[in-house]
Protein backbone atom coordinates (compact mmCIF):
# COMPACT_ATOMS: atom_id res chain seq x y z
CA MET A 1 5.35 -24.62 -68.31
CA ALA A 2 1.79 -25.41 -67.24
CA GLN A 3 -1.01 -26.93 -69.30
CA PRO A 4 -4.31 -27.10 -67.40
CA SER A 5 -7.12 -28.50 -69.52
CA THR A 6 -10.67 -29.76 -69.29
CA TRP A 7 -12.06 -32.59 -71.40
CA ILE A 8 -15.51 -33.57 -72.67
CA PHE A 9 -15.59 -37.28 -73.38
CA ALA A 10 -17.42 -38.13 -76.60
CA SER A 11 -16.56 -41.82 -76.25
CA PRO A 12 -14.13 -43.95 -74.23
CA THR A 13 -11.40 -43.28 -76.84
CA SER A 14 -12.04 -39.71 -78.04
CA SER A 15 -12.48 -36.41 -76.27
CA SER A 16 -12.27 -32.67 -76.86
CA GLY A 17 -11.67 -29.71 -74.64
CA LEU A 18 -9.96 -26.42 -73.93
CA GLU A 19 -6.36 -26.07 -72.86
CA TYR A 20 -4.26 -23.10 -71.86
CA GLY A 21 -0.60 -22.97 -71.04
CA THR A 22 2.66 -21.09 -71.08
CA LEU A 23 5.71 -21.48 -73.28
CA PRO A 24 9.23 -20.05 -72.92
CA GLY A 25 10.02 -16.85 -74.79
CA GLY A 26 13.46 -15.65 -73.87
CA GLU A 27 15.32 -12.88 -72.16
CA SER A 28 18.16 -10.66 -73.26
CA HIS A 29 20.30 -8.43 -71.10
CA ARG A 30 22.75 -6.09 -72.81
CA SER A 31 24.97 -3.45 -71.35
CA GLY A 32 27.93 -1.49 -72.56
CA ALA A 33 29.77 1.78 -72.85
CA LEU A 34 28.55 4.88 -74.68
CA PHE A 35 31.74 6.31 -76.16
CA PHE A 36 30.23 9.65 -77.21
CA SER A 37 29.24 10.53 -73.62
CA ASN A 38 31.58 8.35 -71.51
CA GLY A 39 28.43 6.81 -70.01
CA THR A 40 26.89 3.33 -69.93
CA TYR A 41 23.64 1.73 -71.00
CA GLN A 42 21.62 -1.31 -69.98
CA ASN A 43 18.84 -2.83 -72.08
CA ASP A 44 16.65 -5.69 -70.75
CA VAL A 45 14.03 -7.48 -72.84
CA ASP A 46 11.72 -10.21 -71.49
CA CYS A 47 9.44 -12.23 -73.80
CA ARG A 48 6.74 -14.71 -72.67
CA TRP A 49 4.22 -16.80 -74.61
CA GLY A 50 0.80 -18.14 -73.61
CA TYR A 51 -1.84 -20.08 -75.52
CA LEU A 52 -5.51 -21.03 -75.43
CA THR A 53 -6.45 -23.87 -77.77
CA ALA A 54 -9.33 -26.18 -78.61
CA GLN A 55 -7.96 -29.71 -78.35
CA ALA A 56 -9.02 -33.07 -79.81
CA ARG A 57 -7.61 -36.23 -78.26
CA TRP A 58 -7.72 -39.91 -79.14
CA ARG A 59 -6.42 -42.55 -76.76
CA ALA A 60 -6.54 -46.31 -76.53
CA ASN A 61 -9.22 -47.59 -74.19
CA HIS A 62 -7.60 -50.77 -72.87
CA GLY A 63 -4.27 -51.78 -71.41
CA THR A 64 -1.97 -50.56 -68.69
CA ALA A 65 0.07 -48.42 -71.15
CA ARG A 66 -2.39 -46.55 -73.38
CA PRO A 67 -1.08 -44.36 -76.24
CA GLU A 68 -2.77 -41.07 -77.16
CA VAL A 69 -2.64 -38.45 -79.92
CA ASN A 70 -3.43 -34.73 -79.33
CA PHE A 71 -4.24 -32.00 -81.83
CA GLY A 72 -5.06 -28.39 -80.98
CA LEU A 73 -5.59 -25.03 -82.62
CA GLY A 74 -6.18 -21.58 -81.23
CA SER A 75 -4.60 -18.36 -80.10
CA TYR A 76 -0.92 -17.94 -79.15
CA VAL A 77 -0.06 -14.63 -77.45
CA ARG A 78 3.40 -13.08 -77.04
CA ARG A 79 4.03 -10.48 -74.32
CA THR A 80 7.26 -8.49 -74.54
CA ALA A 81 8.46 -6.11 -71.84
CA SER A 82 11.55 -3.94 -72.21
CA ALA A 83 13.54 -1.48 -70.12
CA PHE A 84 16.38 0.82 -71.19
CA VAL A 85 18.56 2.90 -68.85
CA GLU A 86 21.34 5.30 -69.86
CA ARG A 87 23.74 6.66 -67.23
CA ASP A 88 26.40 9.36 -67.44
CA SER A 89 30.04 8.86 -66.45
CA VAL A 90 29.31 9.23 -62.70
CA GLY A 91 26.31 6.84 -62.72
CA THR A 92 23.44 9.33 -62.73
CA VAL A 93 20.43 8.22 -64.80
CA VAL A 94 20.24 10.39 -67.92
CA TYR A 95 17.47 8.56 -69.77
CA GLU A 96 15.08 5.77 -68.81
CA ALA A 97 12.33 4.10 -70.85
CA THR A 98 10.08 1.08 -70.40
CA GLY A 99 7.60 -0.52 -72.73
CA GLU A 100 5.31 -3.49 -73.17
CA SER A 101 3.66 -5.02 -76.22
CA ARG A 102 1.32 -7.92 -76.92
CA GLU A 103 0.88 -9.78 -80.16
CA SER A 104 -1.64 -12.52 -80.88
CA THR A 105 -1.33 -15.10 -83.63
CA PHE A 106 -3.07 -18.29 -84.72
CA GLY A 107 -1.25 -21.50 -83.82
CA ILE A 108 -1.47 -25.28 -83.78
CA ASN A 109 -0.03 -28.08 -81.71
CA LEU A 110 0.33 -31.80 -82.32
CA GLY A 111 1.60 -34.41 -79.94
CA THR A 112 1.63 -37.94 -78.72
CA GLY A 113 1.86 -39.50 -75.32
CA VAL A 114 1.14 -42.51 -73.19
CA TYR A 115 -0.92 -43.04 -70.03
CA PHE A 116 -0.14 -45.73 -67.46
CA GLY A 117 -2.20 -47.68 -64.96
CA ARG A 118 -5.81 -48.65 -64.38
CA GLY A 119 -8.45 -47.07 -62.20
CA PRO A 120 -9.42 -43.41 -61.78
CA PHE A 121 -5.84 -41.98 -61.73
CA HIS A 122 -3.59 -42.25 -64.80
CA PRO A 123 -0.08 -40.68 -64.84
CA GLY A 124 1.53 -40.20 -68.23
CA VAL A 125 4.11 -38.61 -70.51
CA ASP A 126 3.34 -36.14 -73.32
CA ALA A 127 5.52 -34.82 -76.20
CA ARG A 128 4.30 -32.02 -78.47
CA VAL A 129 5.29 -29.52 -81.09
CA HIS A 130 3.67 -26.05 -80.95
CA TRP A 131 3.73 -23.69 -83.93
CA ALA A 132 2.68 -20.01 -83.77
CA LEU A 133 2.10 -19.53 -87.50
CA SER A 134 2.55 -15.83 -88.33
CA ALA A 135 5.43 -15.48 -85.83
CA ASN A 136 6.98 -18.67 -87.30
CA GLN A 137 7.93 -19.76 -83.77
CA PHE A 138 8.26 -23.44 -82.79
CA TRP A 139 8.48 -25.14 -79.39
CA TYR A 140 9.08 -28.80 -78.61
CA THR A 141 7.76 -29.81 -75.20
CA LEU A 142 8.05 -32.94 -73.11
CA GLY A 143 6.00 -33.18 -69.96
CA LEU A 144 4.55 -35.34 -67.25
CA LYS A 145 0.79 -35.42 -66.93
CA ALA A 146 -1.98 -36.89 -64.83
CA ASP A 147 -5.54 -37.74 -65.76
CA TRP A 148 -8.25 -38.67 -63.30
CA HIS A 149 -11.98 -39.18 -63.49
């Protein structure tokens, strides 16, 4: 999972910006026997999520461990790719189909974290919940981050 972002600092404690990232979707691989034709089938489905959100961030200005709160809203996009192969009893491909679909939905994320250190480079830890509303899909993420200016 990657979350590149850019921030516009309104004050030493608040900022806003754009963020994009990826989230896990899932894969399924199924295969089995076709009893009516003595053949086999294989069905593979791969699902991936990405997002682009407008973020608002508040963080403490002083101290070596500075807490922060993030809130974002924007577009969450699901890409699904599928492949289906049917073979006869000797392994010859009888039928093959592939497909791809994309679905976009509105989503939000909310999280908290902490930055460490003083100076221009600040490593940190971030925990968030993402919610793609119409898909009713949730993700909980925990990540390492770095901020420099």
